[in-house]
Amino acid sequence: MKFDLDTDATSEAFCDDIAQEMMRLFGVSREEAVGRINREWKDKPLIGDVLIIYHETANYWAQCIYHEEDVMWWIDQHLRVKPYP
């Protein structure tokens, strides 16, 4: 599955890193990881060197995209996962 986002080479590689991190952390397939990223950022152009996504790590984004928005995954023991698809 490919990213269905408006990306450049740098953001495409970063999204790939996020997908790899989701696969490693949560045991999801590449298809699910890419689908979650596509859903999260579908309306956000990811082009240019100065993007807010680069202010955090791939691990951070993997956690944020995978878990419900109100979950503090860095301290919470009761993690709720966003439904997919």
Protein backbone atom coordinates (compact mmCIF):
# COMPACT_ATOMS: atom_id res chain seq x y z
CA MET A 1 0.00 0.00 0.00
CA LYS A 2 1.27 3.47 -0.89
CA PHE A 3 0.78 6.74 0.88
CA ASP A 4 -2.19 8.63 -0.54
CA LEU A 5 -0.84 11.99 0.57
CA ASP A 6 0.69 15.06 -1.01
CA THR A 7 4.34 14.40 -0.09
CA ASP A 8 7.85 15.12 -1.22
CA ALA A 9 10.76 12.68 -0.93
CA THR A 10 11.62 13.75 2.62
CA SER A 11 8.09 13.52 4.01
CA GLU A 12 7.49 10.24 2.18
CA ALA A 13 10.56 8.78 3.89
CA PHE A 14 9.42 10.16 7.26
CA CYS A 15 5.96 8.64 6.79
CA ASP A 16 7.65 5.35 5.96
CA ASP A 17 9.61 5.60 9.23
CA ILE A 18 6.35 6.18 11.11
CA ALA A 19 4.76 3.15 9.42
CA GLN A 20 7.78 1.00 10.31
CA GLU A 21 7.54 2.18 13.91
CA MET A 22 3.83 1.27 14.08
CA MET A 23 4.61 -2.16 12.71
CA ARG A 24 7.36 -2.64 15.29
CA LEU A 25 5.46 -1.27 18.29
CA PHE A 26 1.97 -2.63 17.65
CA GLY A 27 2.46 -5.60 15.33
CA VAL A 28 0.19 -4.15 12.64
CA SER A 29 0.61 -4.84 8.95
CA ARG A 30 2.21 -2.30 6.63
CA GLU A 31 -1.18 -1.88 4.99
CA GLU A 32 -2.79 -0.91 8.29
CA ALA A 33 0.05 1.42 9.27
CA VAL A 34 -0.04 3.23 5.93
CA GLY A 35 -3.85 3.35 6.04
CA ARG A 36 -3.77 4.96 9.49
CA ILE A 37 -1.24 7.56 8.33
CA ASN A 38 -3.29 8.29 5.20
CA ARG A 39 -6.43 8.74 7.31
CA GLU A 40 -4.68 10.98 9.85
CA TRP A 41 -3.03 13.34 7.38
CA LYS A 42 -5.25 13.03 4.28
CA ASP A 43 -6.00 16.75 4.02
CA LYS A 44 -2.58 18.04 5.05
CA PRO A 45 0.05 18.72 2.39
CA LEU A 46 3.39 17.36 3.57
CA ILE A 47 5.71 19.31 1.31
CA GLY A 48 8.63 21.49 2.36
CA ASP A 49 11.45 21.52 4.85
CA VAL A 50 9.62 23.37 7.62
CA LEU A 51 6.77 21.09 8.67
CA ILE A 52 5.48 20.64 12.19
CA ILE A 53 5.76 16.86 11.80
CA TYR A 54 9.54 17.14 11.84
CA HIS A 55 9.47 18.61 15.36
CA GLU A 56 8.70 15.14 16.73
CA THR A 57 10.07 11.64 16.19
CA ALA A 58 8.59 8.81 14.17
CA ASN A 59 7.86 7.06 17.48
CA TYR A 60 5.85 10.04 18.70
CA TRP A 61 3.73 10.15 15.54
CA ALA A 62 3.25 6.37 15.49
CA GLN A 63 1.88 6.54 19.03
CA CYS A 64 -0.34 9.57 18.32
CA ILE A 65 -1.76 8.13 15.11
CA TYR A 66 -2.39 4.70 16.65
CA HIS A 67 -3.98 5.75 19.94
CA GLU A 68 -7.12 7.75 20.70
CA GLU A 69 -6.54 11.49 20.88
CA ASP A 70 -7.17 11.84 24.60
CA VAL A 71 -4.75 9.04 25.57
CA MET A 72 -1.51 10.11 27.21
CA TRP A 73 0.39 7.11 25.84
CA TRP A 74 3.66 8.20 27.48
CA ILE A 75 2.17 7.72 30.98
CA ASP A 76 -1.25 6.05 30.62
CA GLN A 77 -1.59 2.34 31.32
CA HIS A 78 -5.10 2.11 29.81
CA LEU A 79 -4.37 2.74 26.18
CA ARG A 80 -7.29 3.03 23.79
CA VAL A 81 -6.61 2.39 20.14
CA LYS A 82 -8.32 4.31 17.33
CA PRO A 83 -10.51 1.88 15.42
CA TYR A 84 -9.29 0.85 12.00
CA PRO A 85 -10.47 1.16 9.29
